[in-house]
Amino acid sequence: MVTTLTIAPISEAPVRQGEEDLRPVLVAPGLYGEWTLACWGGRDWYDQHSGRVLKPAVYCRLPGLASITTS
C-alpha cells in the first residue's frame, strides 16, 4: 500500500477560526526551521510537543492510522 502525502500552503489548511482541530499534521517551519507535528487550536497552530505557538508556511495532512496497514 502506498500513501501519497501532499504539501500545501498553510492558507489552504481545512481549519476555521474559533474551531479546534486537534488532529496532528506536519507543518514547516517549526521553531527551529524543521518539520514538526502540530495541531490547530482555533486561533493558532501549536507544536504538539511543547505547546508553543507556530507560524508555519506549509502543512502536510497525515493519513489516519486505520488507513495504514503492515504486511
C-alpha atoms as a PDB file:
ATOM      1  CA  MET A   1       0.000   0.000   0.000  1.00  0.00           C
ATOM      2  CA  VAL A   2       1.302   3.437  -0.930  1.00  0.00           C
ATOM      3  CA  THR A   3       0.065   6.653   0.629  1.00  0.00           C
ATOM      4  CA  THR A   4       0.851   9.948  -1.062  1.00  0.00           C
ATOM      5  CA  LEU A   5       1.464  12.928   1.197  1.00  0.00           C
ATOM      6  CA  THR A   6       0.748  16.365  -0.219  1.00  0.00           C
ATOM      7  CA  ILE A   7       2.480  19.553   0.891  1.00  0.00           C
ATOM      8  CA  ALA A   8       0.279  22.653   0.603  1.00  0.00           C
ATOM      9  CA  PRO A   9       0.370  26.301   1.724  1.00  0.00           C
ATOM     10  CA  ILE A  10      -0.852  26.751   5.302  1.00  0.00           C
ATOM     11  CA  SER A  11      -3.565  29.092   3.960  1.00  0.00           C
ATOM     12  CA  GLU A  12      -5.178  26.035   2.323  1.00  0.00           C
ATOM     13  CA  ALA A  13      -5.384  24.024   5.564  1.00  0.00           C
ATOM     14  CA  PRO A  14      -9.001  22.965   6.229  1.00  0.00           C
ATOM     15  CA  VAL A  15      -9.361  24.767   9.587  1.00  0.00           C
ATOM     16  CA  ARG A  16     -11.654  27.542  10.784  1.00  0.00           C
ATOM     17  CA  GLN A  17     -11.159  30.393  13.210  1.00  0.00           C
ATOM     18  CA  GLY A  18     -12.729  29.508  16.567  1.00  0.00           C
ATOM     19  CA  GLU A  19     -12.923  25.750  15.864  1.00  0.00           C
ATOM     20  CA  GLU A  20     -10.272  23.462  17.355  1.00  0.00           C
ATOM     21  CA  ASP A  21      -8.908  20.657  15.217  1.00  0.00           C
ATOM     22  CA  LEU A  22      -6.568  18.521  17.280  1.00  0.00           C
ATOM     23  CA  ARG A  23      -5.702  16.024  14.543  1.00  0.00           C
ATOM     24  CA  PRO A  24      -1.944  16.149  14.061  1.00  0.00           C
ATOM     25  CA  VAL A  25      -0.449  17.484  10.838  1.00  0.00           C
ATOM     26  CA  LEU A  26       3.138  18.106   9.793  1.00  0.00           C
ATOM     27  CA  VAL A  27       3.938  21.795   9.471  1.00  0.00           C
ATOM     28  CA  ALA A  28       7.055  23.699   8.500  1.00  0.00           C
ATOM     29  CA  PRO A  29       8.923  25.597   9.518  1.00  0.00           C
ATOM     30  CA  GLY A  30       8.778  24.678  13.204  1.00  0.00           C
ATOM     31  CA  LEU A  31      10.521  26.684  15.911  1.00  0.00           C
ATOM     32  CA  TYR A  32      13.939  25.754  14.545  1.00  0.00           C
ATOM     33  CA  GLY A  33      13.191  25.512  10.821  1.00  0.00           C
ATOM     34  CA  GLU A  34      12.263  21.820  10.902  1.00  0.00           C
ATOM     35  CA  TRP A  35       9.108  19.813  10.170  1.00  0.00           C
ATOM     36  CA  THR A  36       7.087  19.407  13.356  1.00  0.00           C
ATOM     37  CA  LEU A  37       3.812  17.833  14.470  1.00  0.00           C
ATOM     38  CA  ALA A  38       1.221  20.494  15.155  1.00  0.00           C
ATOM     39  CA  CYS A  39      -2.496  20.984  15.706  1.00  0.00           C
ATOM     40  CA  TRP A  40      -4.912  23.860  15.190  1.00  0.00           C
ATOM     41  CA  GLY A  41      -6.200  25.381  18.437  1.00  0.00           C
ATOM     42  CA  GLY A  42      -8.952  27.505  16.904  1.00  0.00           C
ATOM     43  CA  ARG A  43      -6.760  30.553  16.526  1.00  0.00           C
ATOM     44  CA  ASP A  44      -3.138  29.429  16.121  1.00  0.00           C
ATOM     45  CA  TRP A  45      -1.049  26.401  15.185  1.00  0.00           C
ATOM     46  CA  TYR A  46       0.581  24.725  18.194  1.00  0.00           C
ATOM     47  CA  ASP A  47       3.589  22.436  18.449  1.00  0.00           C
ATOM     48  CA  GLN A  48       2.144  19.203  19.853  1.00  0.00           C
ATOM     49  CA  HIS A  49       5.230  18.507  21.928  1.00  0.00           C
ATOM     50  CA  SER A  50       5.949  21.880  23.520  1.00  0.00           C
ATOM     51  CA  GLY A  51       2.606  23.662  23.107  1.00  0.00           C
ATOM     52  CA  ARG A  52       4.336  26.711  21.620  1.00  0.00           C
ATOM     53  CA  VAL A  53       2.581  28.802  19.004  1.00  0.00           C
ATOM     54  CA  LEU A  54       3.925  28.292  15.468  1.00  0.00           C
ATOM     55  CA  LYS A  55       3.718  30.405  12.330  1.00  0.00           C
ATOM     56  CA  PRO A  56       4.117  27.724   9.642  1.00  0.00           C
ATOM     57  CA  ALA A  57       4.174  28.346   5.903  1.00  0.00           C
ATOM     58  CA  VAL A  58       3.199  24.851   4.714  1.00  0.00           C
ATOM     59  CA  TYR A  59       1.383  21.803   6.045  1.00  0.00           C
ATOM     60  CA  CYS A  60       1.056  18.130   5.209  1.00  0.00           C
ATOM     61  CA  ARG A  61      -2.013  16.209   6.319  1.00  0.00           C
ATOM     62  CA  LEU A  62      -1.192  12.792   7.762  1.00  0.00           C
ATOM     63  CA  PRO A  63      -3.195   9.659   6.924  1.00  0.00           C
ATOM     64  CA  GLY A  64      -5.392   8.171   9.639  1.00  0.00           C
ATOM     65  CA  LEU A  65      -3.923   5.201  11.479  1.00  0.00           C
ATOM     66  CA  ALA A  66      -6.760   2.991  10.257  1.00  0.00           C
ATOM     67  CA  SER A  67      -5.544   3.513   6.686  1.00  0.00           C
ATOM     68  CA  ILE A  68      -2.032   2.296   7.474  1.00  0.00           C
ATOM     69  CA  THR A  69      -1.544  -1.451   7.336  1.00  0.00           C
ATOM     70  CA  THR A  70       1.515  -3.596   7.808  1.00  0.00           C
ATOM     71  CA  SER A  71       2.445  -6.704   5.884  1.00  0.00           C
END
